[in-house]
Amino acid sequence: MPISVMVIALFIIGFILLLIEAIIIPGFGFAGILGIVSLAGACYTAFNSLSPLAGTVATISAIIITITLVKILPKTSLWQKIRLTSVENKNMGYQVARIELTALINKTGKALTMLRPSGTALIDNKRYDVLTDGEFIEKNESIVVSSVEGNKIMVKKTT
């Protein structure tokens, strides 16, 4: 296979792998890394095996094609199908982490389920998802809130 055909094949394979990474496989994983390596290999091969001019043209082409794809791809109907468009707003029931959870510290309640180490408890006549520090607490046992870490309500058995 002539070197020029190999450079073009590496370019095409690299862009296909990057498109697969962007459209089919979420995140930046194996296909994306292989795509970048393939594009870099095409540029390297063009510089070393063909000529500096061919390498420069290959590098500039890769940059232009990448920028074009980044600008055009988000406007396509395919991208609109895979893009997350939902909004989390309060009217639909979404809530931000509640600050009033810290007010639960040192309050007592009752385990509604077995806490092993997580479960549900009733504190101030409200149901909360709670965690213990690893101990198992039976259903209907009395508990006390020992700490709040973000949205985690830590409880322990009352003595």
N, C-alpha and C. Protein backbone atom coordinates (compact mmCIF):
# COMPACT_ATOMS: atom_id res chain seq x y z
N MET A 1 0.86 -1.17 0.00
CA MET A 1 0.00 0.00 0.00
C MET A 1 0.90 1.24 0.00
N PRO A 2 0.65 2.16 -0.93
CA PRO A 2 1.45 3.39 -0.96
C PRO A 2 1.24 4.20 0.33
N ILE A 3 2.26 4.95 0.68
CA ILE A 3 2.23 5.75 1.92
C ILE A 3 1.09 6.77 1.88
N SER A 4 0.85 7.39 0.73
CA SER A 4 -0.20 8.41 0.66
C SER A 4 -1.58 7.81 0.95
N VAL A 5 -1.81 6.58 0.49
CA VAL A 5 -3.07 5.91 0.77
C VAL A 5 -3.18 5.58 2.26
N MET A 6 -2.04 5.19 2.86
CA MET A 6 -2.04 4.88 4.29
C MET A 6 -2.34 6.14 5.12
N VAL A 7 -1.80 7.28 4.72
CA VAL A 7 -2.07 8.54 5.43
C VAL A 7 -3.56 8.87 5.35
N ILE A 8 -4.13 8.75 4.17
CA ILE A 8 -5.56 9.04 4.00
C ILE A 8 -6.41 8.05 4.81
N ALA A 9 -6.02 6.77 4.79
CA ALA A 9 -6.75 5.75 5.56
C ALA A 9 -6.69 6.05 7.06
N LEU A 10 -5.51 6.45 7.55
CA LEU A 10 -5.38 6.80 8.97
C LEU A 10 -6.26 8.00 9.32
N PHE A 11 -6.32 8.98 8.42
CA PHE A 11 -7.19 10.13 8.65
C PHE A 11 -8.65 9.71 8.75
N ILE A 12 -9.09 8.93 7.78
CA ILE A 12 -10.49 8.50 7.76
C ILE A 12 -10.82 7.66 9.00
N ILE A 13 -9.93 6.72 9.32
CA ILE A 13 -10.15 5.89 10.52
C ILE A 13 -10.19 6.75 11.77
N GLY A 14 -9.29 7.72 11.87
CA GLY A 14 -9.26 8.61 13.03
C GLY A 14 -10.54 9.39 13.20
N PHE A 15 -11.04 9.96 12.12
CA PHE A 15 -12.28 10.74 12.21
C PHE A 15 -13.49 9.84 12.49
N ILE A 16 -13.51 8.65 11.91
CA ILE A 16 -14.61 7.71 12.20
C ILE A 16 -14.60 7.33 13.68
N LEU A 17 -13.42 7.05 14.21
CA LEU A 17 -13.33 6.71 15.64
C LEU A 17 -13.77 7.87 16.53
N LEU A 18 -13.40 9.09 16.16
CA LEU A 18 -13.83 10.25 16.94
C LEU A 18 -15.34 10.45 16.85
N LEU A 19 -15.92 10.22 15.68
CA LEU A 19 -17.38 10.32 15.55
C LEU A 19 -18.08 9.23 16.36
N ILE A 20 -17.52 8.02 16.34
CA ILE A 20 -18.09 6.94 17.16
C ILE A 20 -18.05 7.33 18.63
N GLU A 21 -16.94 7.91 19.05
CA GLU A 21 -16.80 8.34 20.45
C GLU A 21 -17.81 9.43 20.79
N ALA A 22 -18.04 10.36 19.88
CA ALA A 22 -18.94 11.47 20.14
C ALA A 22 -20.41 11.06 20.08
N ILE A 23 -20.76 10.14 19.20
CA ILE A 23 -22.16 9.83 18.96
C ILE A 23 -22.61 8.55 19.67
N ILE A 24 -21.82 7.50 19.62
CA ILE A 24 -22.27 6.21 20.11
C ILE A 24 -21.81 5.92 21.53
N ILE A 25 -20.53 6.11 21.80
CA ILE A 25 -19.96 5.77 23.10
C ILE A 25 -19.82 7.04 23.94
N PRO A 26 -20.51 7.11 25.08
CA PRO A 26 -20.41 8.32 25.89
C PRO A 26 -19.06 8.42 26.58
N GLY A 27 -18.66 9.66 26.89
CA GLY A 27 -17.40 9.88 27.60
C GLY A 27 -16.24 9.97 26.64
N PHE A 28 -15.05 9.93 27.18
CA PHE A 28 -13.85 9.98 26.35
C PHE A 28 -13.04 8.75 26.67
N GLY A 29 -13.21 7.72 25.85
CA GLY A 29 -12.58 6.44 26.16
C GLY A 29 -11.68 5.94 25.06
N PHE A 30 -11.72 4.65 24.89
CA PHE A 30 -10.81 3.95 24.01
C PHE A 30 -10.92 4.41 22.56
N ALA A 31 -12.14 4.55 22.04
CA ALA A 31 -12.32 4.96 20.64
C ALA A 31 -11.79 6.37 20.41
N GLY A 32 -12.01 7.28 21.36
CA GLY A 32 -11.51 8.64 21.22
C GLY A 32 -10.00 8.70 21.23
N ILE A 33 -9.39 7.94 22.12
CA ILE A 33 -7.93 7.91 22.19
C ILE A 33 -7.35 7.32 20.92
N LEU A 34 -7.95 6.22 20.43
CA LEU A 34 -7.48 5.63 19.17
C LEU A 34 -7.66 6.59 18.00
N GLY A 35 -8.76 7.35 18.00
CA GLY A 35 -8.97 8.33 16.94
C GLY A 35 -7.90 9.40 16.93
N ILE A 36 -7.56 9.91 18.11
CA ILE A 36 -6.52 10.94 18.20
C ILE A 36 -5.16 10.36 17.80
N VAL A 37 -4.87 9.14 18.25
CA VAL A 37 -3.60 8.49 17.89
C VAL A 37 -3.55 8.26 16.38
N SER A 38 -4.67 7.87 15.79
CA SER A 38 -4.71 7.65 14.34
C SER A 38 -4.47 8.95 13.57
N LEU A 39 -5.10 10.04 14.01
CA LEU A 39 -4.87 11.33 13.35
C LEU A 39 -3.42 11.78 13.52
N ALA A 40 -2.88 11.62 14.73
CA ALA A 40 -1.48 12.00 14.96
C ALA A 40 -0.55 11.13 14.12
N GLY A 41 -0.87 9.84 14.01
CA GLY A 41 -0.07 8.94 13.18
C GLY A 41 -0.11 9.33 11.72
N ALA A 42 -1.27 9.76 11.25
CA ALA A 42 -1.39 10.21 9.86
C ALA A 42 -0.52 11.44 9.62
N CYS A 43 -0.57 12.40 10.53
CA CYS A 43 0.25 13.61 10.39
C CYS A 43 1.74 13.26 10.46
N TYR A 44 2.12 12.41 11.41
CA TYR A 44 3.52 12.01 11.57
C TYR A 44 4.03 11.30 10.31
N THR A 45 3.22 10.37 9.80
CA THR A 45 3.60 9.63 8.60
C THR A 45 3.71 10.56 7.40
N ALA A 46 2.80 11.51 7.29
CA ALA A 46 2.86 12.46 6.18
C ALA A 46 4.12 13.31 6.25
N PHE A 47 4.49 13.76 7.45
CA PHE A 47 5.71 14.56 7.61
C PHE A 47 6.96 13.75 7.28
N ASN A 48 7.07 12.53 7.81
CA ASN A 48 8.30 11.76 7.67
C ASN A 48 8.43 11.00 6.37
N SER A 49 7.34 10.47 5.84
CA SER A 49 7.44 9.62 4.67
C SER A 49 7.17 10.34 3.36
N LEU A 50 6.37 11.38 3.40
CA LEU A 50 6.06 12.08 2.16
C LEU A 50 6.93 13.33 2.03
N SER A 51 6.51 14.41 2.65
CA SER A 51 7.29 15.65 2.60
C SER A 51 6.78 16.58 3.69
N PRO A 52 7.59 17.58 4.06
CA PRO A 52 7.10 18.54 5.05
C PRO A 52 5.83 19.25 4.59
N LEU A 53 5.72 19.51 3.29
CA LEU A 53 4.52 20.15 2.77
C LEU A 53 3.30 19.25 2.97
N ALA A 54 3.45 17.96 2.68
CA ALA A 54 2.34 17.02 2.86
C ALA A 54 1.96 16.91 4.33
N GLY A 55 2.94 16.93 5.21
CA GLY A 55 2.66 16.89 6.65
C GLY A 55 1.93 18.13 7.11
N THR A 56 2.34 19.29 6.59
CA THR A 56 1.67 20.54 6.95
C THR A 56 0.24 20.54 6.44
N VAL A 57 0.04 20.09 5.21
CA VAL A 57 -1.31 20.02 4.65
C VAL A 57 -2.16 19.05 5.47
N ALA A 58 -1.60 17.92 5.87
CA ALA A 58 -2.34 16.94 6.66
C ALA A 58 -2.73 17.51 8.02
N THR A 59 -1.81 18.20 8.67
CA THR A 59 -2.10 18.77 9.98
C THR A 59 -3.15 19.86 9.89
N ILE A 60 -3.01 20.76 8.92
CA ILE A 60 -3.99 21.83 8.75
C ILE A 60 -5.35 21.25 8.38
N SER A 61 -5.36 20.22 7.53
CA SER A 61 -6.63 19.58 7.16
C SER A 61 -7.30 18.97 8.38
N ALA A 62 -6.53 18.31 9.23
CA ALA A 62 -7.10 17.71 10.44
C ALA A 62 -7.71 18.77 11.33
N ILE A 63 -7.03 19.89 11.48
CA ILE A 63 -7.55 20.98 12.32
C ILE A 63 -8.83 21.56 11.73
N ILE A 64 -8.82 21.82 10.42
CA ILE A 64 -10.00 22.40 9.77
C ILE A 64 -11.19 21.44 9.83
N ILE A 65 -10.97 20.17 9.56
CA ILE A 65 -12.06 19.19 9.60
C ILE A 65 -12.61 19.07 11.02
N THR A 66 -11.73 19.05 12.02
CA THR A 66 -12.18 18.96 13.41
C THR A 66 -13.01 20.16 13.80
N ILE A 67 -12.54 21.37 13.47
CA ILE A 67 -13.30 22.59 13.79
C ILE A 67 -14.64 22.59 13.07
N THR A 68 -14.65 22.17 11.81
CA THR A 68 -15.89 22.11 11.05
C THR A 68 -16.87 21.13 11.69
N LEU A 69 -16.40 19.96 12.09
CA LEU A 69 -17.28 18.98 12.74
C LEU A 69 -17.82 19.51 14.06
N VAL A 70 -16.97 20.20 14.82
CA VAL A 70 -17.42 20.75 16.10
C VAL A 70 -18.49 21.81 15.89
N LYS A 71 -18.40 22.57 14.81
CA LYS A 71 -19.40 23.61 14.54
C LYS A 71 -20.67 23.05 13.90
N ILE A 72 -20.54 22.05 13.04
CA ILE A 72 -21.69 21.53 12.29
C ILE A 72 -22.44 20.45 13.06
N LEU A 73 -21.73 19.55 13.74
CA LEU A 73 -22.36 18.42 14.41
C LEU A 73 -23.46 18.82 15.39
N PRO A 74 -23.29 19.83 16.23
CA PRO A 74 -24.38 20.19 17.16
C PRO A 74 -25.65 20.68 16.47
N LYS A 75 -25.58 21.06 15.21
CA LYS A 75 -26.76 21.56 14.50
C LYS A 75 -27.51 20.46 13.76
N THR A 76 -26.98 19.24 13.76
CA THR A 76 -27.63 18.16 13.02
C THR A 76 -28.76 17.54 13.83
N SER A 77 -29.68 16.90 13.13
CA SER A 77 -30.81 16.26 13.82
C SER A 77 -30.34 15.07 14.65
N LEU A 78 -29.29 14.39 14.21
CA LEU A 78 -28.75 13.28 14.98
C LEU A 78 -28.25 13.76 16.34
N TRP A 79 -27.54 14.87 16.35
CA TRP A 79 -27.03 15.41 17.61
C TRP A 79 -28.17 15.84 18.52
N GLN A 80 -29.24 16.38 17.95
CA GLN A 80 -30.39 16.80 18.76
C GLN A 80 -31.06 15.61 19.42
N LYS A 81 -30.98 14.44 18.78
CA LYS A 81 -31.58 13.23 19.35
C LYS A 81 -30.78 12.69 20.53
N ILE A 82 -29.46 12.85 20.49
CA ILE A 82 -28.64 12.27 21.55
C ILE A 82 -28.27 13.26 22.64
N ARG A 83 -28.54 14.52 22.43
CA ARG A 83 -28.20 15.55 23.40
C ARG A 83 -29.26 15.64 24.49
N LEU A 84 -28.84 15.87 25.72
CA LEU A 84 -29.77 16.03 26.83
C LEU A 84 -30.36 17.43 26.76
N THR A 85 -31.68 17.51 26.63
CA THR A 85 -32.33 18.82 26.50
C THR A 85 -33.25 19.14 27.66
N SER A 86 -33.44 18.19 28.56
CA SER A 86 -34.36 18.45 29.67
C SER A 86 -33.75 19.43 30.66
N VAL A 87 -34.61 20.12 31.35
CA VAL A 87 -34.20 21.11 32.33
C VAL A 87 -34.76 20.69 33.68
N GLU A 88 -33.95 20.81 34.70
CA GLU A 88 -34.41 20.48 36.05
C GLU A 88 -34.88 21.76 36.72
N ASN A 89 -36.19 21.97 36.73
CA ASN A 89 -36.68 23.17 37.41
C ASN A 89 -37.63 22.79 38.54
N LYS A 90 -37.86 23.73 39.41
CA LYS A 90 -38.64 23.48 40.62
C LYS A 90 -40.09 23.11 40.30
N ASN A 91 -40.65 23.66 39.23
CA ASN A 91 -42.04 23.37 38.87
C ASN A 91 -42.25 21.90 38.53
N MET A 92 -41.19 21.23 38.08
CA MET A 92 -41.29 19.82 37.72
C MET A 92 -40.93 18.91 38.90
N GLY A 93 -40.65 19.49 40.06
CA GLY A 93 -40.39 18.68 41.24
C GLY A 93 -38.94 18.50 41.60
N TYR A 94 -38.02 19.10 40.86
CA TYR A 94 -36.61 18.96 41.20
C TYR A 94 -36.26 19.89 42.34
N GLN A 95 -35.43 19.40 43.23
CA GLN A 95 -35.03 20.21 44.38
C GLN A 95 -33.53 20.21 44.52
N VAL A 96 -33.02 21.33 44.99
CA VAL A 96 -31.61 21.45 45.30
C VAL A 96 -31.41 20.89 46.70
N ALA A 97 -30.17 20.59 47.05
CA ALA A 97 -29.89 20.09 48.39
C ALA A 97 -30.46 21.03 49.43
N ARG A 98 -31.14 20.45 50.41
CA ARG A 98 -31.84 21.27 51.39
C ARG A 98 -30.90 21.67 52.52
N ILE A 99 -30.90 22.96 52.83
CA ILE A 99 -30.08 23.48 53.91
C ILE A 99 -30.67 23.11 55.26
N GLU A 100 -31.99 22.94 55.34
CA GLU A 100 -32.63 22.67 56.63
C GLU A 100 -32.27 21.30 57.20
N LEU A 101 -31.55 20.47 56.46
CA LEU A 101 -31.16 19.17 56.99
C LEU A 101 -30.25 19.32 58.21
N THR A 102 -29.45 20.37 58.24
CA THR A 102 -28.57 20.56 59.40
C THR A 102 -29.37 20.82 60.67
N ALA A 103 -30.60 21.28 60.54
CA ALA A 103 -31.45 21.50 61.72
C ALA A 103 -31.88 20.19 62.36
N LEU A 104 -31.67 19.06 61.68
CA LEU A 104 -32.05 17.76 62.22
C LEU A 104 -31.04 17.20 63.22
N ILE A 105 -29.85 17.79 63.29
CA ILE A 105 -28.82 17.26 64.18
C ILE A 105 -29.33 17.24 65.62
N ASN A 106 -29.11 16.10 66.29
CA ASN A 106 -29.53 15.82 67.68
C ASN A 106 -31.03 15.59 67.83
N LYS A 107 -31.79 15.55 66.74
CA LYS A 107 -33.22 15.24 66.84
C LYS A 107 -33.38 13.72 66.85
N THR A 108 -34.43 13.28 67.51
CA THR A 108 -34.69 11.85 67.60
C THR A 108 -35.79 11.46 66.63
N GLY A 109 -35.81 10.19 66.32
CA GLY A 109 -36.82 9.67 65.42
C GLY A 109 -36.92 8.17 65.56
N LYS A 110 -37.54 7.54 64.55
CA LYS A 110 -37.78 6.10 64.59
C LYS A 110 -37.39 5.51 63.24
N ALA A 111 -36.71 4.37 63.27
CA ALA A 111 -36.34 3.67 62.04
C ALA A 111 -37.58 3.03 61.44
N LEU A 112 -37.95 3.43 60.24
CA LEU A 112 -39.12 2.84 59.57
C LEU A 112 -38.77 1.52 58.89
N THR A 113 -37.50 1.38 58.54
CA THR A 113 -37.01 0.13 57.94
C THR A 113 -35.76 -0.28 58.71
N MET A 114 -35.28 -1.48 58.45
CA MET A 114 -33.99 -1.86 59.03
C MET A 114 -32.92 -0.95 58.44
N LEU A 115 -32.06 -0.45 59.27
CA LEU A 115 -30.95 0.38 58.79
C LEU A 115 -29.71 -0.52 58.76
N ARG A 116 -29.30 -0.91 57.55
CA ARG A 116 -28.18 -1.85 57.43
C ARG A 116 -27.24 -1.46 56.31
N PRO A 117 -26.49 -0.49 56.30
CA PRO A 117 -26.51 0.65 57.21
C PRO A 117 -27.40 1.78 56.71
N SER A 118 -28.09 1.60 55.61
CA SER A 118 -28.97 2.68 55.16
C SER A 118 -30.41 2.22 55.20
N GLY A 119 -31.30 3.18 55.23
CA GLY A 119 -32.72 2.87 55.25
C GLY A 119 -33.53 4.14 55.40
N THR A 120 -34.76 4.00 55.86
CA THR A 120 -35.66 5.14 56.00
C THR A 120 -36.02 5.32 57.47
N ALA A 121 -36.05 6.59 57.87
CA ALA A 121 -36.41 6.91 59.25
C ALA A 121 -37.44 8.03 59.27
N LEU A 122 -38.20 8.08 60.35
CA LEU A 122 -39.18 9.14 60.56
C LEU A 122 -38.62 10.09 61.61
N ILE A 123 -38.37 11.33 61.18
CA ILE A 123 -37.83 12.36 62.07
C ILE A 123 -38.71 13.58 61.91
N ASP A 124 -39.26 14.09 63.00
CA ASP A 124 -40.19 15.23 62.95
C ASP A 124 -41.36 14.98 62.01
N ASN A 125 -41.89 13.77 62.04
CA ASN A 125 -43.03 13.37 61.21
C ASN A 125 -42.76 13.46 59.71
N LYS A 126 -41.48 13.38 59.30
CA LYS A 126 -41.11 13.35 57.89
C LYS A 126 -40.21 12.15 57.66
N ARG A 127 -40.35 11.56 56.47
CA ARG A 127 -39.52 10.42 56.10
C ARG A 127 -38.21 10.92 55.50
N TYR A 128 -37.10 10.33 55.92
CA TYR A 128 -35.78 10.68 55.39
C TYR A 128 -35.00 9.40 55.10
N ASP A 129 -34.17 9.46 54.06
CA ASP A 129 -33.20 8.40 53.82
C ASP A 129 -32.02 8.69 54.73
N VAL A 130 -31.63 7.70 55.53
CA VAL A 130 -30.58 7.92 56.52
C VAL A 130 -29.52 6.82 56.42
N LEU A 131 -28.36 7.10 57.01
CA LEU A 131 -27.25 6.16 57.07
C LEU A 131 -26.77 6.02 58.50
N THR A 132 -26.28 4.83 58.83
CA THR A 132 -25.62 4.65 60.12
C THR A 132 -24.12 4.60 59.87
N ASP A 133 -23.34 4.58 60.94
CA ASP A 133 -21.89 4.46 60.81
C ASP A 133 -21.46 3.01 60.64
N GLY A 134 -22.31 2.18 60.12
CA GLY A 134 -21.99 0.78 59.88
C GLY A 134 -22.77 -0.17 60.76
N GLU A 135 -23.38 0.33 61.80
CA GLU A 135 -24.14 -0.56 62.69
C GLU A 135 -25.52 -0.84 62.09
N PHE A 136 -26.05 -2.02 62.44
CA PHE A 136 -27.40 -2.38 62.01
C PHE A 136 -28.39 -1.96 63.09
N ILE A 137 -29.45 -1.29 62.66
CA ILE A 137 -30.49 -0.86 63.59
C ILE A 137 -31.80 -1.48 63.13
N GLU A 138 -32.48 -2.13 64.04
CA GLU A 138 -33.74 -2.81 63.72
C GLU A 138 -34.85 -1.80 63.44
N LYS A 139 -35.86 -2.27 62.71
CA LYS A 139 -37.06 -1.48 62.42
C LYS A 139 -37.74 -1.09 63.73
N ASN A 140 -38.28 0.13 63.78
CA ASN A 140 -39.01 0.69 64.92
C ASN A 140 -38.13 1.06 66.11
N GLU A 141 -36.79 0.94 65.98
CA GLU A 141 -35.91 1.36 67.08
C GLU A 141 -35.79 2.87 67.06
N SER A 142 -35.51 3.43 68.21
CA SER A 142 -35.35 4.87 68.36
C SER A 142 -33.94 5.26 67.90
N ILE A 143 -33.86 6.34 67.13
CA ILE A 143 -32.57 6.80 66.59
C ILE A 143 -32.41 8.28 66.89
N VAL A 144 -31.17 8.76 66.76
CA VAL A 144 -30.86 10.18 66.90
C VAL A 144 -29.94 10.57 65.74
N VAL A 145 -30.14 11.77 65.20
CA VAL A 145 -29.30 12.26 64.10
C VAL A 145 -27.98 12.73 64.70
N SER A 146 -26.89 12.10 64.27
CA SER A 146 -25.57 12.44 64.81
C SER A 146 -24.87 13.51 63.99
N SER A 147 -25.08 13.51 62.67
CA SER A 147 -24.44 14.52 61.82
C SER A 147 -25.13 14.55 60.46
N VAL A 148 -24.86 15.62 59.72
CA VAL A 148 -25.36 15.76 58.36
C VAL A 148 -24.16 16.12 57.49
N GLU A 149 -23.93 15.31 56.45
CA GLU A 149 -22.82 15.54 55.52
C GLU A 149 -23.40 15.71 54.12
N GLY A 150 -23.56 16.95 53.68
CA GLY A 150 -24.21 17.20 52.40
C GLY A 150 -25.67 16.80 52.50
N ASN A 151 -26.08 15.82 51.70
CA ASN A 151 -27.45 15.29 51.76
C ASN A 151 -27.53 14.00 52.56
N LYS A 152 -26.43 13.59 53.17
CA LYS A 152 -26.42 12.35 53.96
C LYS A 152 -26.76 12.68 55.41
N ILE A 153 -27.79 12.02 55.91
CA ILE A 153 -28.18 12.17 57.30
C ILE A 153 -27.65 10.95 58.05
N MET A 154 -26.70 11.18 58.94
CA MET A 154 -26.08 10.11 59.71
C MET A 154 -26.82 9.95 61.03
N VAL A 155 -27.20 8.71 61.37
CA VAL A 155 -27.94 8.46 62.60
C VAL A 155 -27.25 7.36 63.41
N LYS A 156 -27.63 7.29 64.68
CA LYS A 156 -27.18 6.19 65.54
C LYS A 156 -28.31 5.84 66.48
N LYS A 157 -28.22 4.65 67.05
CA LYS A 157 -29.24 4.16 67.97
C LYS A 157 -29.18 4.98 69.26
N THR A 158 -30.35 5.37 69.76
CA THR A 158 -30.37 6.10 71.03
C THR A 158 -30.08 5.13 72.16
N THR A 159 -29.41 5.63 73.17
CA THR A 159 -29.05 4.75 74.30
C THR A 159 -29.94 4.96 75.48
